[in-house]
Structure formats: C-alpha cells, structure tokens
C-alpha cells in the first residue's frame, strides 16, 4: 500500500540508491534527452513527457492533459498494492513533480509538506483531481476533508 509520495529533481533522484518497494514517475520535457534513471533500481517506472506550463503559448509545447492524468491514475491503481512509496521527479523537482506528489498524497490521504511543495503546477494538480473525481476515485467531500486536515498540520 502506498504510504508516501515524494518529489525530487531529476539529478537528486538519479543519484538515490533505489528501492525495490518504491515506484517512480519520471517527468521530462518532450524535447529533452530521456532521464538517466535506471529502471532496474526501482519496483516500477512510469515515464511521461510534457512541458512545465499552464497553457499552450507555443505550437510545439505539450500541455499536461487528461491522457497524462489517466496514465498516472492507472499506473497508481496497478501498483498500489505492490509498492510502499512513489517518488516523482521532473527537471527541478518543484513544479510538475510536486503537483503529482501532492495529488498522490491527496488520493491516499498522506501528508504533503506544503512548505517544500508550495510551487506545484496548479494545472497538473487540478487536472489530476478532476480525473480522479470523474472516475469516482475520490469525492469532493473527501477533498474538502483532506484540505482541512492539511491546514491543521
């Protein structure tokens, strides 16, 4: 069962020793070289490619969308009984990865350190939440309860 979600920069995660009970969501920009992440060091790895943007302002930019959200949700559901943690990385570890880690924390009722993840990408987070509500994985009431509990901590 997933008990923790953390976000890292690509550099920091690539240099971790790995763990057989931790899954990784690797986020890179479509026009960048694929992360040097060693898939064999982790229980499972999901690789996604999208830019750190809230709206498309250049034709070649890839905006996080419902397909990306569904890939994350499906991957979590597939592996939630096999892993105890999810580490998410993007280039700097403060926007896209923080949004995904915050979503995982919300979905599983885990603590999310808002001080460390305060610059999360709101578009990524809200798209993930919308898909989770649409798929009836989380209710609006549960979201309210989670948000209230996080403010108390």
N, C-alpha and C. Protein backbone atom coordinates (compact mmCIF):
# COMPACT_ATOMS: atom_id res chain seq x y z
N UNK A 1 0.83 -1.18 0.00
CA UNK A 1 0.00 0.00 0.00
C UNK A 1 0.87 1.24 0.00
N UNK A 2 0.49 2.22 -0.76
CA UNK A 2 1.27 3.46 -0.87
C UNK A 2 1.16 4.25 0.43
N UNK A 3 2.32 4.51 1.04
CA UNK A 3 2.37 5.20 2.33
C UNK A 3 3.10 6.53 2.25
N UNK A 4 3.74 6.81 1.12
CA UNK A 4 4.46 8.08 1.00
C UNK A 4 4.60 8.46 -0.47
N UNK A 5 4.64 9.76 -0.69
CA UNK A 5 4.87 10.31 -2.03
C UNK A 5 5.84 11.47 -1.86
N UNK A 6 6.90 11.45 -2.62
CA UNK A 6 7.93 12.50 -2.51
C UNK A 6 8.28 13.01 -3.90
N UNK A 7 8.71 14.25 -3.96
CA UNK A 7 9.12 14.82 -5.24
C UNK A 7 10.57 15.25 -5.18
N UNK A 8 11.26 15.05 -6.31
CA UNK A 8 12.69 15.30 -6.40
C UNK A 8 13.03 15.96 -7.73
N UNK A 9 14.21 16.55 -7.76
CA UNK A 9 14.77 16.95 -9.04
C UNK A 9 15.26 15.68 -9.73
N UNK A 10 15.44 15.77 -11.03
CA UNK A 10 15.97 14.62 -11.77
C UNK A 10 17.34 14.23 -11.22
N UNK A 11 18.19 15.21 -11.01
CA UNK A 11 19.55 14.95 -10.52
C UNK A 11 19.51 14.21 -9.18
N UNK A 12 18.67 14.68 -8.25
CA UNK A 12 18.61 14.06 -6.93
C UNK A 12 18.10 12.62 -7.01
N UNK A 13 17.07 12.38 -7.80
CA UNK A 13 16.51 11.04 -7.87
C UNK A 13 17.45 10.06 -8.56
N UNK A 14 18.08 10.49 -9.63
CA UNK A 14 19.01 9.61 -10.35
C UNK A 14 20.14 9.17 -9.42
N UNK A 15 20.49 9.99 -8.46
CA UNK A 15 21.59 9.67 -7.55
C UNK A 15 21.16 8.93 -6.29
N UNK A 16 19.88 8.66 -6.12
CA UNK A 16 19.44 7.84 -4.99
C UNK A 16 19.79 6.38 -5.28
N UNK A 17 19.85 5.58 -4.22
CA UNK A 17 20.28 4.19 -4.39
C UNK A 17 19.19 3.28 -4.94
N UNK A 18 17.95 3.70 -4.95
CA UNK A 18 16.87 2.85 -5.45
C UNK A 18 16.26 2.02 -4.35
N UNK A 19 15.08 1.48 -4.61
CA UNK A 19 14.38 0.69 -3.60
C UNK A 19 13.38 -0.22 -4.29
N UNK A 20 13.36 -1.47 -3.90
CA UNK A 20 12.51 -2.46 -4.57
C UNK A 20 11.02 -2.30 -4.26
N UNK A 21 10.67 -1.46 -3.29
CA UNK A 21 9.27 -1.23 -2.97
C UNK A 21 8.82 0.19 -3.29
N UNK A 22 9.60 0.90 -4.08
CA UNK A 22 9.27 2.27 -4.46
C UNK A 22 9.12 2.35 -5.97
N UNK A 23 8.04 2.95 -6.41
CA UNK A 23 7.83 3.21 -7.83
C UNK A 23 8.22 4.64 -8.14
N UNK A 24 8.55 4.88 -9.40
CA UNK A 24 9.00 6.21 -9.82
C UNK A 24 8.15 6.69 -10.99
N UNK A 25 7.74 7.95 -10.90
CA UNK A 25 7.13 8.63 -12.04
C UNK A 25 8.16 9.64 -12.52
N UNK A 26 8.63 9.43 -13.72
CA UNK A 26 9.70 10.24 -14.32
C UNK A 26 9.07 11.20 -15.32
N UNK A 27 9.24 12.50 -15.08
CA UNK A 27 8.65 13.52 -15.96
C UNK A 27 9.78 14.31 -16.61
N UNK A 28 9.80 14.29 -17.92
CA UNK A 28 10.76 15.10 -18.67
C UNK A 28 10.03 15.86 -19.76
N UNK A 29 10.69 16.87 -20.27
CA UNK A 29 10.11 17.64 -21.36
C UNK A 29 10.30 16.87 -22.65
N UNK A 30 9.32 16.94 -23.56
CA UNK A 30 9.38 16.14 -24.79
C UNK A 30 10.63 16.36 -25.64
N UNK A 31 11.19 17.55 -25.58
CA UNK A 31 12.34 17.87 -26.42
C UNK A 31 13.68 17.68 -25.70
N UNK A 32 13.66 17.10 -24.50
CA UNK A 32 14.88 16.85 -23.74
C UNK A 32 15.32 15.40 -23.87
N UNK A 33 16.55 15.16 -23.56
CA UNK A 33 17.08 13.80 -23.53
C UNK A 33 16.38 13.05 -22.39
N UNK A 34 16.05 11.82 -22.60
CA UNK A 34 15.38 11.00 -21.60
C UNK A 34 16.23 10.93 -20.34
N UNK A 35 15.58 10.94 -19.20
CA UNK A 35 16.25 10.86 -17.91
C UNK A 35 17.20 9.66 -17.85
N UNK A 36 18.29 9.83 -17.12
CA UNK A 36 19.28 8.76 -16.93
C UNK A 36 18.85 7.78 -15.85
N UNK A 37 17.61 7.81 -15.47
CA UNK A 37 17.08 6.96 -14.42
C UNK A 37 17.26 5.48 -14.76
N UNK A 38 17.79 4.72 -13.82
CA UNK A 38 17.99 3.29 -14.01
C UNK A 38 16.72 2.56 -13.57
N UNK A 39 15.94 2.08 -14.53
CA UNK A 39 14.68 1.40 -14.23
C UNK A 39 14.86 0.19 -13.33
N UNK A 40 15.99 -0.46 -13.38
CA UNK A 40 16.22 -1.68 -12.60
C UNK A 40 16.39 -1.43 -11.10
N UNK A 41 16.58 -0.19 -10.69
CA UNK A 41 16.76 0.13 -9.28
C UNK A 41 15.43 0.31 -8.55
N UNK A 42 14.32 0.31 -9.27
CA UNK A 42 13.02 0.64 -8.70
C UNK A 42 12.00 -0.45 -8.99
N UNK A 43 10.94 -0.50 -8.20
CA UNK A 43 9.90 -1.51 -8.39
C UNK A 43 9.21 -1.36 -9.74
N UNK A 44 8.93 -0.14 -10.15
CA UNK A 44 8.26 0.14 -11.42
C UNK A 44 8.48 1.61 -11.77
N UNK A 45 8.46 1.90 -13.05
CA UNK A 45 8.72 3.26 -13.51
C UNK A 45 7.70 3.64 -14.58
N UNK A 46 7.12 4.82 -14.43
CA UNK A 46 6.26 5.41 -15.45
C UNK A 46 6.96 6.64 -15.99
N UNK A 47 7.14 6.70 -17.29
CA UNK A 47 7.79 7.86 -17.91
C UNK A 47 6.75 8.68 -18.66
N UNK A 48 6.73 9.98 -18.37
CA UNK A 48 5.81 10.91 -19.02
C UNK A 48 6.58 12.08 -19.60
N UNK A 49 6.01 12.66 -20.64
CA UNK A 49 6.68 13.76 -21.35
C UNK A 49 5.69 14.90 -21.57
N UNK A 50 5.92 16.01 -20.85
CA UNK A 50 5.12 17.22 -21.05
C UNK A 50 5.89 18.41 -20.48
N UNK A 51 5.54 19.59 -20.95
CA UNK A 51 6.23 20.80 -20.52
C UNK A 51 5.65 21.34 -19.21
N UNK A 52 6.43 22.14 -18.53
CA UNK A 52 6.01 22.77 -17.28
C UNK A 52 5.30 24.08 -17.60
N UNK A 53 4.07 23.97 -18.09
CA UNK A 53 3.28 25.14 -18.50
C UNK A 53 1.85 24.96 -18.02
N UNK A 54 1.13 26.08 -17.93
CA UNK A 54 -0.28 26.06 -17.55
C UNK A 54 -1.20 26.21 -18.76
N UNK A 55 -0.67 26.67 -19.86
CA UNK A 55 -1.43 26.80 -21.11
C UNK A 55 -0.44 26.79 -22.26
N UNK A 56 -0.91 26.41 -23.43
CA UNK A 56 -0.03 26.33 -24.60
C UNK A 56 0.12 27.72 -25.20
N UNK A 57 1.34 28.21 -25.21
CA UNK A 57 1.60 29.50 -25.83
C UNK A 57 2.57 29.39 -27.00
N UNK A 58 3.06 28.20 -27.24
CA UNK A 58 3.85 27.93 -28.43
C UNK A 58 3.36 26.63 -29.03
N UNK A 59 3.31 26.58 -30.34
CA UNK A 59 2.72 25.44 -31.05
C UNK A 59 3.34 24.09 -30.67
N UNK A 60 4.62 24.07 -30.39
CA UNK A 60 5.30 22.80 -30.14
C UNK A 60 5.30 22.37 -28.68
N UNK A 61 4.65 23.12 -27.80
CA UNK A 61 4.61 22.76 -26.39
C UNK A 61 3.54 21.71 -26.11
N UNK A 62 3.86 20.80 -25.19
CA UNK A 62 2.93 19.75 -24.80
C UNK A 62 2.40 20.08 -23.40
N UNK A 63 1.11 20.35 -23.32
CA UNK A 63 0.44 20.67 -22.07
C UNK A 63 -0.01 19.38 -21.39
N UNK A 64 0.15 19.28 -20.08
CA UNK A 64 -0.37 18.14 -19.32
C UNK A 64 -1.86 18.04 -19.60
N UNK A 65 -2.34 16.82 -19.88
CA UNK A 65 -3.74 16.66 -20.27
C UNK A 65 -4.37 15.46 -19.57
N UNK A 66 -5.63 15.20 -19.90
CA UNK A 66 -6.35 14.10 -19.26
C UNK A 66 -5.73 12.73 -19.56
N UNK A 67 -5.14 12.58 -20.73
CA UNK A 67 -4.46 11.31 -21.04
C UNK A 67 -3.28 11.08 -20.09
N UNK A 68 -2.50 12.14 -19.83
CA UNK A 68 -1.40 12.02 -18.87
C UNK A 68 -1.96 11.67 -17.49
N UNK A 69 -3.03 12.35 -17.09
CA UNK A 69 -3.64 12.10 -15.78
C UNK A 69 -4.10 10.65 -15.67
N UNK A 70 -4.74 10.16 -16.73
CA UNK A 70 -5.21 8.77 -16.72
C UNK A 70 -4.05 7.79 -16.65
N UNK A 71 -2.94 8.10 -17.31
CA UNK A 71 -1.77 7.22 -17.23
C UNK A 71 -1.26 7.13 -15.79
N UNK A 72 -1.22 8.28 -15.11
CA UNK A 72 -0.76 8.29 -13.72
C UNK A 72 -1.72 7.51 -12.83
N UNK A 73 -3.01 7.79 -12.97
CA UNK A 73 -4.01 7.11 -12.14
C UNK A 73 -4.00 5.60 -12.39
N UNK A 74 -3.96 5.21 -13.66
CA UNK A 74 -3.93 3.78 -13.99
C UNK A 74 -2.69 3.11 -13.42
N UNK A 75 -1.54 3.76 -13.53
CA UNK A 75 -0.29 3.23 -13.01
C UNK A 75 -0.37 3.08 -11.49
N UNK A 76 -0.90 4.09 -10.80
CA UNK A 76 -1.05 4.01 -9.35
C UNK A 76 -1.95 2.84 -8.96
N UNK A 77 -3.08 2.72 -9.63
CA UNK A 77 -4.02 1.65 -9.31
C UNK A 77 -3.40 0.27 -9.59
N UNK A 78 -2.62 0.18 -10.65
CA UNK A 78 -1.97 -1.09 -11.00
C UNK A 78 -0.94 -1.51 -9.95
N UNK A 79 -0.25 -0.54 -9.36
CA UNK A 79 0.88 -0.86 -8.48
C UNK A 79 0.64 -0.56 -7.00
N UNK A 80 -0.51 -0.03 -6.63
CA UNK A 80 -0.70 0.44 -5.25
C UNK A 80 -0.54 -0.64 -4.19
N UNK A 81 -0.79 -1.88 -4.51
CA UNK A 81 -0.64 -2.96 -3.53
C UNK A 81 0.79 -3.49 -3.48
N UNK A 82 1.60 -3.16 -4.48
CA UNK A 82 2.95 -3.72 -4.59
C UNK A 82 4.05 -2.78 -4.10
N UNK A 83 3.73 -1.50 -3.94
CA UNK A 83 4.76 -0.52 -3.56
C UNK A 83 4.34 0.22 -2.30
N UNK A 84 5.34 0.69 -1.56
CA UNK A 84 5.05 1.46 -0.36
C UNK A 84 5.25 2.96 -0.57
N UNK A 85 5.92 3.32 -1.65
CA UNK A 85 6.16 4.73 -1.91
C UNK A 85 6.23 5.04 -3.38
N UNK A 86 6.00 6.31 -3.69
CA UNK A 86 6.13 6.80 -5.06
C UNK A 86 7.02 8.03 -5.02
N UNK A 87 8.09 7.99 -5.79
CA UNK A 87 8.97 9.15 -5.96
C UNK A 87 8.71 9.71 -7.34
N UNK A 88 8.53 11.00 -7.40
CA UNK A 88 8.23 11.67 -8.66
C UNK A 88 9.35 12.66 -8.93
N UNK A 89 9.86 12.65 -10.15
CA UNK A 89 10.89 13.63 -10.48
C UNK A 89 10.53 14.38 -11.75
N UNK A 90 10.98 15.62 -11.79
CA UNK A 90 10.98 16.43 -13.01
C UNK A 90 12.34 17.13 -13.01
N UNK A 91 12.53 18.06 -13.89
CA UNK A 91 13.86 18.69 -14.01
C UNK A 91 14.33 19.30 -12.69
N UNK A 92 13.54 20.21 -12.13
CA UNK A 92 13.95 20.91 -10.91
C UNK A 92 13.36 20.32 -9.64
N UNK A 93 12.29 19.55 -9.77
CA UNK A 93 11.68 18.92 -8.60
C UNK A 93 10.77 19.81 -7.80
N UNK A 94 10.28 20.90 -8.38
CA UNK A 94 9.45 21.83 -7.60
C UNK A 94 8.09 22.15 -8.20
N UNK A 95 7.84 21.81 -9.44
CA UNK A 95 6.58 22.20 -10.06
C UNK A 95 5.76 21.00 -10.51
N UNK A 96 6.16 20.36 -11.59
CA UNK A 96 5.40 19.20 -12.09
C UNK A 96 5.43 18.05 -11.11
N UNK A 97 6.62 17.70 -10.63
CA UNK A 97 6.73 16.57 -9.71
C UNK A 97 6.02 16.85 -8.40
N UNK A 98 6.08 18.09 -7.93
CA UNK A 98 5.38 18.45 -6.69
C UNK A 98 3.87 18.33 -6.87
N UNK A 99 3.36 18.70 -8.04
CA UNK A 99 1.92 18.59 -8.30
C UNK A 99 1.47 17.14 -8.28
N UNK A 100 2.25 16.26 -8.90
CA UNK A 100 1.90 14.83 -8.93
C UNK A 100 2.02 14.24 -7.52
N UNK A 101 3.07 14.59 -6.78
CA UNK A 101 3.22 14.08 -5.42
C UNK A 101 2.09 14.59 -4.52
N UNK A 102 1.69 15.83 -4.70
CA UNK A 102 0.56 16.38 -3.93
C UNK A 102 -0.72 15.63 -4.27
N UNK A 103 -0.93 15.32 -5.54
CA UNK A 103 -2.11 14.56 -5.93
C UNK A 103 -2.10 13.17 -5.29
N UNK A 104 -0.98 12.49 -5.34
CA UNK A 104 -0.87 11.15 -4.74
C UNK A 104 -1.16 11.24 -3.24
N UNK A 105 -0.62 12.26 -2.59
CA UNK A 105 -0.88 12.47 -1.16
C UNK A 105 -2.37 12.69 -0.91
N UNK A 106 -3.01 13.46 -1.76
CA UNK A 106 -4.44 13.72 -1.62
C UNK A 106 -5.23 12.43 -1.83
N UNK A 107 -4.92 11.69 -2.87
CA UNK A 107 -5.66 10.48 -3.21
C UNK A 107 -5.57 9.42 -2.10
N UNK A 108 -4.39 9.31 -1.49
CA UNK A 108 -4.18 8.27 -0.49
C UNK A 108 -4.22 8.80 0.95
N UNK A 109 -4.57 10.08 1.13
CA UNK A 109 -4.69 10.65 2.47
C UNK A 109 -3.38 10.77 3.20
N UNK A 110 -2.30 11.06 2.47
CA UNK A 110 -0.96 11.16 3.05
C UNK A 110 -0.60 12.61 3.34
N UNK A 111 0.37 12.81 4.21
CA UNK A 111 0.86 14.15 4.50
C UNK A 111 1.64 14.68 3.29
N UNK A 112 1.41 15.94 2.96
CA UNK A 112 2.19 16.61 1.92
C UNK A 112 2.78 17.87 2.53
N UNK A 113 4.09 18.01 2.46
CA UNK A 113 4.77 19.16 3.04
C UNK A 113 4.58 20.38 2.13
N UNK A 114 3.61 21.21 2.47
CA UNK A 114 3.28 22.36 1.64
C UNK A 114 4.41 23.37 1.56
N UNK A 115 5.25 23.43 2.57
CA UNK A 115 6.38 24.37 2.52
C UNK A 115 7.36 23.98 1.43
N UNK A 116 7.59 22.67 1.32
CA UNK A 116 8.54 22.17 0.32
C UNK A 116 7.93 22.13 -1.08
N UNK A 117 6.62 21.97 -1.15
CA UNK A 117 5.95 21.82 -2.44
C UNK A 117 5.02 22.95 -2.79
N UNK A 118 5.29 24.14 -2.29
CA UNK A 118 4.37 25.26 -2.48
C UNK A 118 4.32 25.79 -3.91
N UNK A 119 5.28 25.46 -4.73
CA UNK A 119 5.32 25.97 -6.10
C UNK A 119 4.81 24.94 -7.11
N UNK A 120 3.94 24.01 -6.66
CA UNK A 120 3.46 22.96 -7.55
C UNK A 120 2.66 23.54 -8.70
N UNK A 121 2.69 22.86 -9.83
CA UNK A 121 1.98 23.29 -11.03
C UNK A 121 0.48 23.06 -10.81
N UNK A 122 -0.27 24.16 -10.69
CA UNK A 122 -1.70 24.08 -10.39
C UNK A 122 -2.50 23.40 -11.50
N UNK A 123 -2.08 23.58 -12.74
CA UNK A 123 -2.79 22.94 -13.86
C UNK A 123 -2.67 21.42 -13.77
N UNK A 124 -1.47 20.93 -13.51
CA UNK A 124 -1.26 19.48 -13.39
C UNK A 124 -2.10 18.93 -12.23
N UNK A 125 -2.03 19.58 -11.09
CA UNK A 125 -2.76 19.11 -9.91
C UNK A 125 -4.27 19.12 -10.14
N UNK A 126 -4.79 20.19 -10.68
CA UNK A 126 -6.25 20.27 -10.88
C UNK A 126 -6.73 19.29 -11.94
N UNK A 127 -5.93 19.04 -12.97
CA UNK A 127 -6.31 18.05 -13.99
C UNK A 127 -6.36 16.66 -13.38
N UNK A 128 -5.39 16.33 -12.55
CA UNK A 128 -5.38 15.04 -11.87
C UNK A 128 -6.60 14.90 -10.94
N UNK A 129 -6.89 15.94 -10.18
CA UNK A 129 -8.05 15.90 -9.29
C UNK A 129 -9.35 15.71 -10.07
N UNK A 130 -9.51 16.47 -11.16
CA UNK A 130 -10.72 16.34 -11.99
C UNK A 130 -10.90 14.92 -12.49
N UNK A 131 -9.82 14.33 -12.98
CA UNK A 131 -9.92 12.94 -13.49
C UNK A 131 -10.25 11.96 -12.36
N UNK A 132 -9.68 12.16 -11.19
CA UNK A 132 -9.97 11.27 -10.06
C UNK A 132 -11.43 11.39 -9.64
N UNK A 133 -11.97 12.60 -9.64
CA UNK A 133 -13.39 12.80 -9.32
C UNK A 133 -14.25 12.20 -10.43
N UNK A 134 -13.90 12.46 -11.69
CA UNK A 134 -14.66 11.91 -12.82
C UNK A 134 -14.71 10.39 -12.77
N UNK A 135 -13.61 9.79 -12.36
CA UNK A 135 -13.51 8.32 -12.31
C UNK A 135 -14.00 7.76 -10.97
N UNK A 136 -14.52 8.64 -10.13
CA UNK A 136 -15.09 8.27 -8.83
C UNK A 136 -14.08 7.60 -7.91
N UNK A 137 -12.83 8.05 -7.99
CA UNK A 137 -11.79 7.55 -7.10
C UNK A 137 -11.70 8.38 -5.82
N UNK A 138 -12.22 9.57 -5.90
CA UNK A 138 -12.21 10.49 -4.76
C UNK A 138 -13.46 11.37 -4.88
N UNK A 139 -14.03 11.70 -3.75
CA UNK A 139 -15.23 12.54 -3.76
C UNK A 139 -14.85 13.98 -3.41
N UNK A 140 -15.71 14.89 -3.77
CA UNK A 140 -15.48 16.30 -3.43
C UNK A 140 -15.44 16.46 -1.92
N UNK A 141 -16.28 15.72 -1.20
CA UNK A 141 -16.29 15.78 0.26
C UNK A 141 -14.95 15.32 0.84
N UNK A 142 -14.41 14.25 0.28
CA UNK A 142 -13.11 13.76 0.76
C UNK A 142 -12.02 14.80 0.48
N UNK A 143 -12.10 15.48 -0.65
CA UNK A 143 -11.13 16.55 -0.95
C UNK A 143 -11.20 17.65 0.09
N UNK A 144 -12.41 18.04 0.46
CA UNK A 144 -12.57 19.09 1.48
C UNK A 144 -11.98 18.64 2.81
N UNK A 145 -12.27 17.40 3.20
CA UNK A 145 -11.74 16.88 4.46
C UNK A 145 -10.21 16.83 4.42
N UNK A 146 -9.65 16.39 3.32
CA UNK A 146 -8.19 16.30 3.21
C UNK A 146 -7.57 17.70 3.31
N UNK A 147 -8.13 18.65 2.57
CA UNK A 147 -7.60 20.03 2.60
C UNK A 147 -7.67 20.61 4.01
N UNK A 148 -8.77 20.36 4.71
CA UNK A 148 -8.90 20.86 6.09
C UNK A 148 -7.86 20.21 6.99
N UNK A 149 -7.63 18.91 6.85
CA UNK A 149 -6.65 18.22 7.69
C UNK A 149 -5.24 18.72 7.42
N UNK A 150 -4.93 19.06 6.19
CA UNK A 150 -3.59 19.56 5.84
C UNK A 150 -3.35 20.94 6.43
N UNK A 151 -4.40 21.75 6.51
CA UNK A 151 -4.25 23.10 7.06
C UNK A 151 -4.01 23.06 8.56
N UNK A 152 -4.48 22.00 9.22
CA UNK A 152 -4.29 21.85 10.66
C UNK A 152 -2.85 21.45 10.99
N UNK A 153 -2.14 20.84 10.06
CA UNK A 153 -0.79 20.32 10.33
C UNK A 153 0.26 21.39 10.23
